[in-house]
């Protein structure tokens, strides 16, 4: 492991990892925290957030949405855009529904996601005739009298946290087992959600909460249709569609592969953003971000990423040197706080290196223009001493 020197104000971490063939490689991570100036420009935050080595939820684990995915990630094949935000009704007055979202524009990146949020609403069962209380207990036997599910008009609200608890998904009660215990099925894409209606198992005699977050171009209208959960936040590792990328952990793996990754493990497992916010192209670091109805004081707000470019200068014992640009692979907007001074933007860069090849590694702010000759000159002049 090379000695790491950090010439930036940002926390960094290095470690070794392995791929699905057992090949080892080194990883350097740098995480920067920015805050908003009164002008709306991003500034380096005086207090830099530390690396987070575990997933952090908004509240209790498995009962609340994921807030901050672990920073301890070896590779992200694509870039993540993660947003912790509250949808705010335009003008601050309660509305039944409105649009919100994010747009990112740059030389290499053009990406957008729009959502519609609503106030509380319900799926209400509509029967051709009223059922007696005794009939309600065995409603399946009277299915011929069921007509349809009707989606109620949403109640007006002024804001809504964009969390998966308000999106499509949830739990489904499937009767009881031989011991009389309730049998519950979970939606693999969002076990925390609401609005999952099943033809056979959902009680058709009572109203059920309907999702309050939907895709702007796919409004929820059919009680029996399976919808993709919508939010701007990250996906936990145990949820679809992220979970399968982790590989197959069967008896063969336990007996012959553990503790290595299984053969079908894919680095895509480490992209934790909502699938619609995983960006194919690499961020340049100067993209313009446009927020729509995500801040209470501004319905439309734009800012530019700070333009930071981080590089690592590696040097061997015999003087060989190489400059490696770090990849900006995570843009995390933590903007849910009503106080603008408490909002933060986290940017994370990552790079890999060959184990045992280098004696030193120096992380610093850099530009594309510095070539290896410049790096060697700086090393000779003691720039990294």
Protein backbone atom coordinates (compact mmCIF):
# COMPACT_ATOMS: atom_id res chain seq x y z
CA UNK A 1 0.00 0.00 0.00
CA UNK A 2 1.61 3.30 -1.06
CA UNK A 3 2.00 6.13 1.39
CA UNK A 4 -0.83 8.55 0.71
CA UNK A 5 -0.38 12.32 0.89
CA UNK A 6 -3.44 14.51 0.68
CA UNK A 7 -3.00 18.09 -0.57
CA UNK A 8 -6.73 18.87 -0.64
CA UNK A 9 -9.03 20.03 2.17
CA UNK A 10 -11.18 16.94 1.64
CA UNK A 11 -11.26 13.65 3.60
CA UNK A 12 -9.84 10.64 1.80
CA UNK A 13 -9.61 6.90 2.33
CA UNK A 14 -7.70 4.06 0.67
CA UNK A 15 -8.18 0.31 0.83
CA UNK A 16 -7.75 -2.89 -1.12
CA UNK A 17 -10.65 -4.70 -2.82
CA UNK A 18 -11.16 -7.71 -5.10
CA UNK A 19 -13.25 -8.40 -8.18
CA UNK A 20 -15.29 -11.53 -8.95
CA UNK A 21 -12.15 -13.33 -10.14
CA UNK A 22 -10.30 -12.68 -6.92
CA UNK A 23 -8.02 -10.07 -8.51
CA UNK A 24 -6.91 -7.48 -5.99
CA UNK A 25 -6.75 -3.74 -6.65
CA UNK A 26 -6.29 -0.59 -4.63
CA UNK A 27 -8.91 2.12 -4.22
CA UNK A 28 -8.60 5.78 -3.25
CA UNK A 29 -11.74 7.73 -2.36
CA UNK A 30 -12.05 11.47 -1.79
CA UNK A 31 -15.28 13.00 -0.49
CA UNK A 32 -15.88 16.75 -0.53
CA UNK A 33 -18.59 18.71 1.27
CA UNK A 34 -19.92 21.97 -0.17
CA UNK A 35 -22.42 24.49 1.12
CA UNK A 36 -24.39 27.29 -0.50
CA UNK A 37 -23.31 30.90 -0.32
CA UNK A 38 -26.14 33.47 -0.10
CA UNK A 39 -25.65 34.01 -3.83
CA UNK A 40 -26.42 30.34 -4.50
CA UNK A 41 -22.84 29.50 -5.48
CA UNK A 42 -21.24 26.40 -3.96
CA UNK A 43 -18.39 26.93 -1.51
CA UNK A 44 -16.12 24.42 0.20
CA UNK A 45 -17.76 23.79 3.58
CA UNK A 46 -15.72 24.80 6.59
CA UNK A 47 -16.66 21.51 8.26
CA UNK A 48 -16.06 18.54 5.98
CA UNK A 49 -18.30 15.51 6.51
CA UNK A 50 -16.40 12.33 7.37
CA UNK A 51 -16.45 9.16 5.32
CA UNK A 52 -19.44 6.97 6.14
CA UNK A 53 -18.61 3.28 6.20
CA UNK A 54 -22.18 2.02 6.71
CA UNK A 55 -25.53 2.74 5.12
CA UNK A 56 -27.46 5.32 7.14
CA UNK A 57 -31.26 5.44 7.13
CA UNK A 58 -33.57 8.32 7.98
CA UNK A 59 -34.61 6.43 11.08
CA UNK A 60 -34.78 2.80 12.12
CA UNK A 61 -33.08 0.33 9.77
CA UNK A 62 -35.50 -1.62 7.54
CA UNK A 63 -38.37 0.64 8.64
CA UNK A 64 -37.25 3.90 7.00
CA UNK A 65 -35.71 4.87 3.69
CA UNK A 66 -31.98 4.93 3.07
CA UNK A 67 -30.54 8.42 3.52
CA UNK A 68 -26.79 8.08 2.91
CA UNK A 69 -25.26 5.00 1.24
CA UNK A 70 -21.88 3.83 2.49
CA UNK A 71 -18.87 5.61 1.01
CA UNK A 72 -16.86 2.37 1.22
CA UNK A 73 -17.39 1.39 -2.41
CA UNK A 74 -14.62 -0.04 -4.61
CA UNK A 75 -16.03 0.77 -8.07
CA UNK A 76 -19.07 2.50 -9.54
CA UNK A 77 -19.35 1.66 -13.26
CA UNK A 78 -21.66 4.66 -13.72
CA UNK A 79 -22.31 7.84 -11.77
CA UNK A 80 -24.91 8.20 -9.02
CA UNK A 81 -27.15 11.22 -8.51
CA UNK A 82 -28.75 11.04 -5.07
CA UNK A 83 -31.17 13.64 -3.74
CA UNK A 84 -32.54 13.92 -0.22
CA UNK A 85 -35.25 16.54 -0.60
CA UNK A 86 -38.76 17.65 0.27
CA UNK A 87 -41.20 18.40 -2.52
CA UNK A 88 -42.61 21.89 -1.88
CA UNK A 89 -45.87 23.17 -3.34
CA UNK A 90 -45.35 26.26 -5.53
CA UNK A 91 -46.06 29.38 -3.50
CA UNK A 92 -46.12 27.41 -0.26
CA UNK A 93 -49.88 26.96 -0.36
CA UNK A 94 -51.39 23.46 0.00
CA UNK A 95 -52.22 21.82 -3.32
CA UNK A 96 -53.69 18.41 -4.24
CA UNK A 97 -50.69 17.68 -6.51
CA UNK A 98 -47.76 19.29 -8.31
CA UNK A 99 -44.62 18.48 -10.29
CA UNK A 100 -41.07 18.46 -8.96
CA UNK A 101 -37.72 17.12 -10.05
CA UNK A 102 -34.13 17.68 -11.05
CA UNK A 103 -32.31 18.45 -14.31
CA UNK A 104 -28.56 18.23 -14.87
CA UNK A 105 -26.91 19.74 -17.92
CA UNK A 106 -23.26 19.72 -18.93
CA UNK A 107 -20.87 19.06 -21.77
CA UNK A 108 -21.01 15.29 -21.17
CA UNK A 109 -24.11 14.86 -19.03
CA UNK A 110 -27.75 15.66 -19.79
CA UNK A 111 -30.13 14.05 -17.36
CA UNK A 112 -33.53 14.78 -15.86
CA UNK A 113 -36.14 13.19 -13.63
CA UNK A 114 -39.62 14.58 -13.00
CA UNK A 115 -42.06 13.42 -10.35
CA UNK A 116 -45.62 14.24 -9.42
CA UNK A 117 -46.46 14.29 -5.72
CA UNK A 118 -49.94 14.30 -4.24
CA UNK A 119 -51.62 14.68 -0.90
CA UNK A 120 -52.96 11.58 0.89
CA UNK A 121 -55.35 9.56 -1.27
CA UNK A 122 -56.87 6.11 -1.16
CA UNK A 123 -57.88 3.18 -3.26
CA UNK A 124 -61.57 2.81 -2.45
CA UNK A 125 -63.39 -0.45 -3.25
CA UNK A 126 -66.57 -0.02 -5.27
CA UNK A 127 -69.16 -2.82 -5.06
CA UNK A 128 -72.26 -3.30 -7.16
CA UNK A 129 -74.13 -3.87 -3.94
CA UNK A 130 -73.27 -3.43 -0.28
CA UNK A 131 -72.00 -6.51 1.52
CA UNK A 132 -73.28 -7.58 4.89
CA UNK A 133 -70.71 -7.77 7.69
CA UNK A 134 -70.70 -11.57 7.47
CA UNK A 135 -70.13 -11.40 3.71
CA UNK A 136 -67.20 -9.03 4.18
CA UNK A 137 -65.36 -11.71 6.12
CA UNK A 138 -65.53 -13.95 3.05
CA UNK A 139 -65.48 -11.32 0.34
CA UNK A 140 -63.73 -13.65 -2.14
CA UNK A 141 -66.89 -15.75 -2.33
CA UNK A 142 -68.83 -12.65 -3.41
CA UNK A 143 -66.34 -11.40 -5.97
CA UNK A 144 -69.02 -11.26 -8.65
CA UNK A 145 -70.41 -8.22 -6.91
CA UNK A 146 -67.11 -6.33 -6.92
CA UNK A 147 -66.92 -3.59 -9.55
CA UNK A 148 -63.60 -1.70 -9.39
CA UNK A 149 -61.15 0.29 -7.30
CA UNK A 150 -61.60 4.06 -7.36
CA UNK A 151 -58.72 6.43 -6.63
CA UNK A 152 -59.89 9.23 -4.35
CA UNK A 153 -59.03 12.86 -4.93
CA UNK A 154 -55.87 13.81 -2.99
CA UNK A 155 -56.05 16.06 0.03
CA UNK A 156 -54.16 19.36 -0.35
CA UNK A 157 -50.71 19.47 1.27
CA UNK A 158 -47.85 21.98 1.25
CA UNK A 159 -44.89 19.60 1.21
CA UNK A 160 -43.93 15.94 1.12
CA UNK A 161 -40.59 14.27 1.95
CA UNK A 162 -39.43 12.37 -1.14
CA UNK A 163 -39.00 9.03 0.56
CA UNK A 164 -39.96 5.53 -0.50
CA UNK A 165 -42.50 5.30 2.33
CA UNK A 166 -44.77 7.44 0.11
CA UNK A 167 -44.07 5.55 -3.13
CA UNK A 168 -45.58 2.42 -4.67
CA UNK A 169 -44.79 -0.85 -2.89
CA UNK A 170 -45.26 -2.22 0.61
CA UNK A 171 -46.28 -5.45 2.25
CA UNK A 172 -48.99 -7.92 1.27
CA UNK A 173 -50.81 -10.09 3.79
CA UNK A 174 -51.28 -13.59 2.36
CA UNK A 175 -53.35 -15.29 5.00
CA UNK A 176 -51.97 -17.33 7.88
CA UNK A 177 -49.64 -20.30 8.17
CA UNK A 178 -50.35 -23.60 9.93
CA UNK A 179 -49.51 -21.99 13.26
CA UNK A 180 -51.95 -19.17 12.75
CA UNK A 181 -49.21 -16.62 12.12
CA UNK A 182 -49.71 -13.99 9.44
CA UNK A 183 -47.88 -14.67 6.18
CA UNK A 184 -46.47 -11.46 4.69
CA UNK A 185 -45.03 -10.92 1.24
CA UNK A 186 -42.79 -7.92 0.57
CA UNK A 187 -42.49 -5.91 -2.58
CA UNK A 188 -38.88 -6.58 -3.68
CA UNK A 189 -38.53 -3.11 -5.21
CA UNK A 190 -39.85 -1.20 -2.20
CA UNK A 191 -41.00 -3.04 0.94
CA UNK A 192 -41.61 0.30 2.70
CA UNK A 193 -44.16 1.65 0.23
CA UNK A 194 -47.94 1.80 -0.08
CA UNK A 195 -50.60 1.07 -2.67
CA UNK A 196 -49.79 -2.52 -3.59
CA UNK A 197 -53.18 -4.02 -4.43
CA UNK A 198 -53.48 -7.74 -5.20
CA UNK A 199 -56.53 -9.37 -6.80
CA UNK A 200 -56.48 -12.36 -4.47
CA UNK A 201 -55.04 -11.19 -1.18
CA UNK A 202 -55.81 -7.50 -0.64
CA UNK A 203 -58.95 -6.95 1.41
CA UNK A 204 -61.50 -5.65 -1.09
CA UNK A 205 -63.88 -4.35 1.59
CA UNK A 206 -61.78 -1.49 3.00
CA UNK A 207 -59.91 1.49 1.55
CA UNK A 208 -56.10 1.35 1.24
CA UNK A 209 -53.56 4.21 1.04
CA UNK A 210 -52.40 4.95 -2.49
CA UNK A 211 -48.91 6.15 -3.48
CA UNK A 212 -48.25 9.86 -3.18
CA UNK A 213 -45.19 9.90 -5.47
CA UNK A 214 -45.45 8.91 -9.11
CA UNK A 215 -43.54 9.40 -12.34
CA UNK A 216 -44.66 12.57 -14.10
CA UNK A 217 -45.18 10.64 -17.34
CA UNK A 218 -46.87 7.60 -15.75
CA UNK A 219 -49.65 8.62 -13.38
CA UNK A 220 -51.00 5.93 -11.11
CA UNK A 221 -54.46 5.00 -12.37
CA UNK A 222 -54.82 1.20 -12.22
CA UNK A 223 -55.00 -0.46 -8.81
CA UNK A 224 -53.74 -3.79 -10.13
CA UNK A 225 -50.87 -2.46 -12.23
CA UNK A 226 -47.31 -2.94 -10.95
CA UNK A 227 -45.53 0.43 -10.84
CA UNK A 228 -41.86 1.21 -10.37
CA UNK A 229 -41.34 2.98 -7.03
CA UNK A 230 -40.55 6.65 -7.53
CA UNK A 231 -38.28 8.92 -5.50
CA UNK A 232 -34.97 10.74 -5.83
CA UNK A 233 -33.28 8.85 -3.00
CA UNK A 234 -30.94 5.85 -3.00
CA UNK A 235 -31.82 2.16 -3.24
CA UNK A 236 -30.69 -0.13 -0.38
CA UNK A 237 -28.53 -3.13 -1.34
CA UNK A 238 -31.27 -5.63 -0.44
CA UNK A 239 -33.83 -4.15 -2.87
CA UNK A 240 -34.44 -4.82 -6.54
CA UNK A 241 -33.09 -3.93 -9.04
CA UNK A 242 -29.81 -3.52 -7.15
CA UNK A 243 -29.76 -6.77 -5.19
CA UNK A 244 -29.17 -9.27 -8.08
CA UNK A 245 -25.91 -7.54 -9.04
CA UNK A 246 -24.46 -8.73 -5.74
CA UNK A 247 -24.32 -12.29 -7.09
CA UNK A 248 -25.52 -15.72 -6.05
CA UNK A 249 -24.83 -16.86 -2.49
CA UNK A 250 -25.75 -20.55 -2.59
CA UNK A 251 -24.26 -23.70 -1.06
CA UNK A 252 -21.63 -23.85 -3.80
CA UNK A 253 -20.49 -20.34 -2.89
CA UNK A 254 -20.44 -21.15 0.82
CA UNK A 255 -18.42 -24.33 0.28
CA UNK A 256 -15.94 -23.24 -2.39
CA UNK A 257 -15.88 -19.49 -2.92
CA UNK A 258 -16.41 -17.72 0.40
CA UNK A 259 -15.10 -15.18 1.44
CA UNK A 260 -14.63 -14.00 -2.16
CA UNK A 261 -17.36 -12.45 -4.28
CA UNK A 262 -19.45 -14.96 -6.29
CA UNK A 263 -18.64 -15.32 -9.99
CA UNK A 264 -21.77 -13.42 -11.05
CA UNK A 265 -21.03 -10.42 -8.80
CA UNK A 266 -21.16 -7.19 -10.80
CA UNK A 267 -19.69 -3.81 -9.84
CA UNK A 268 -23.08 -2.33 -10.80
CA UNK A 269 -24.16 -3.52 -7.36
CA UNK A 270 -22.45 -0.43 -5.95
CA UNK A 271 -24.51 2.08 -7.93
CA UNK A 272 -27.11 2.97 -5.32
CA UNK A 273 -29.06 5.80 -6.97
CA UNK A 274 -32.59 5.35 -8.24
CA UNK A 275 -32.28 3.59 -11.63
CA UNK A 276 -33.47 6.77 -13.37
CA UNK A 277 -30.66 8.75 -11.71
CA UNK A 278 -27.76 6.49 -12.63
CA UNK A 279 -25.83 8.44 -15.27
CA UNK A 280 -23.94 6.67 -18.05
CA UNK A 281 -21.44 9.42 -18.82
CA UNK A 282 -18.76 10.65 -16.44
CA UNK A 283 -19.36 13.97 -14.71
CA UNK A 284 -17.07 16.79 -15.71
CA UNK A 285 -17.67 18.52 -12.38
CA UNK A 286 -19.06 21.79 -13.77
CA UNK A 287 -22.60 20.72 -14.67
CA UNK A 288 -25.56 23.01 -14.02
CA UNK A 289 -28.17 21.55 -11.65
CA UNK A 290 -31.75 22.77 -11.86
CA UNK A 291 -34.14 22.03 -8.98
CA UNK A 292 -37.90 22.23 -9.55
CA UNK A 293 -40.11 22.67 -6.48
CA UNK A 294 -37.57 21.14 -4.10
CA UNK A 295 -36.89 24.26 -2.01
CA UNK A 296 -39.56 26.16 -0.04
CA UNK A 297 -38.15 29.61 -0.86
CA UNK A 298 -37.52 29.04 -4.59
CA UNK A 299 -39.73 27.06 -6.96
CA UNK A 300 -36.96 27.10 -9.57
CA UNK A 301 -33.36 27.15 -8.42
CA UNK A 302 -30.18 26.50 -10.38
CA UNK A 303 -26.56 26.21 -9.40
CA UNK A 304 -23.38 24.91 -10.95
CA UNK A 305 -21.19 22.15 -9.56
CA UNK A 306 -17.94 23.67 -8.27
CA UNK A 307 -15.64 22.53 -11.08
CA UNK A 308 -13.29 20.63 -8.80
CA UNK A 309 -11.00 18.14 -10.54
CA UNK A 310 -8.95 15.81 -8.39
CA UNK A 311 -5.89 13.88 -9.53
CA UNK A 312 -3.56 11.35 -7.96
CA UNK A 313 0.17 11.43 -8.71
CA UNK A 314 1.65 7.97 -8.19
CA UNK A 315 5.41 7.48 -7.87
CA UNK A 316 7.50 4.30 -7.70
CA UNK A 317 10.71 3.75 -5.74
CA UNK A 318 12.79 4.20 -8.91
CA UNK A 319 11.22 7.52 -9.86
CA UNK A 320 8.59 6.40 -12.34
CA UNK A 321 5.50 8.56 -12.05
CA UNK A 322 2.00 8.66 -13.47
CA UNK A 323 -0.87 11.07 -13.11
CA UNK A 324 -4.36 9.62 -12.80
CA UNK A 325 -7.51 11.68 -12.86
CA UNK A 326 -10.07 10.66 -10.25
CA UNK A 327 -13.59 9.87 -11.42
CA UNK A 328 -16.42 11.95 -9.99
CA UNK A 329 -18.98 9.18 -9.57
CA UNK A 330 -21.33 10.44 -6.83
CA UNK A 331 -23.29 13.68 -6.65
CA UNK A 332 -25.36 13.73 -3.46
CA UNK A 333 -27.69 16.68 -2.84
CA UNK A 334 -28.73 16.75 0.83
CA UNK A 335 -31.19 19.64 0.61
CA UNK A 336 -34.18 18.57 2.69
CA UNK A 337 -33.50 21.04 5.50
CA UNK A 338 -35.71 24.15 5.44
CA UNK A 339 -32.71 26.23 6.54
CA UNK A 340 -30.51 26.98 3.49
CA UNK A 341 -27.42 27.15 5.71
CA UNK A 342 -27.88 23.49 6.67
CA UNK A 343 -28.02 22.14 3.11
CA UNK A 344 -24.99 20.28 1.81
CA UNK A 345 -23.70 18.92 -1.48
CA UNK A 346 -21.42 15.88 -1.27
CA UNK A 347 -19.17 14.96 -4.18
CA UNK A 348 -17.16 11.74 -4.23
CA UNK A 349 -14.26 10.81 -6.49
CA UNK A 350 -12.72 7.36 -6.87
CA UNK A 351 -9.75 5.81 -8.61
CA UNK A 352 -8.11 2.38 -8.75
CA UNK A 353 -4.42 1.46 -8.77
CA UNK A 354 -2.23 -1.62 -8.98
CA UNK A 355 -1.26 -3.01 -5.56
CA UNK A 356 2.37 -2.82 -4.51
CA UNK A 357 3.44 -0.95 -7.65
CA UNK A 358 3.79 2.52 -6.14
CA UNK A 359 5.70 3.90 -3.17
CA UNK A 360 3.70 7.11 -2.81
CA UNK A 361 0.39 8.54 -3.95
CA UNK A 362 -0.42 12.26 -3.75
CA UNK A 363 -3.97 13.56 -4.05
CA UNK A 364 -4.46 17.17 -5.06
CA UNK A 365 -6.57 19.52 -7.07
CA UNK A 366 -5.42 19.36 -10.66
CA UNK A 367 -6.17 20.03 -14.29
CA UNK A 368 -6.08 17.93 -17.42
CA UNK A 369 -3.12 19.95 -18.67
CA UNK A 370 -0.48 18.56 -16.33
CA UNK A 371 1.46 15.76 -18.00
CA UNK A 372 3.82 13.18 -16.50
CA UNK A 373 6.84 15.45 -17.16
CA UNK A 374 5.29 18.14 -14.96
CA UNK A 375 4.62 15.54 -12.27
CA UNK A 376 8.26 14.35 -12.32
CA UNK A 377 9.47 17.94 -12.09
CA UNK A 378 7.25 18.56 -9.07
CA UNK A 379 8.52 15.42 -7.38
CA UNK A 380 12.15 16.49 -7.93
CA UNK A 381 11.41 19.93 -6.55
CA UNK A 382 9.93 18.46 -3.41
CA UNK A 383 6.39 19.62 -4.15
CA UNK A 384 5.00 16.53 -2.41
CA UNK A 385 7.42 16.50 0.51
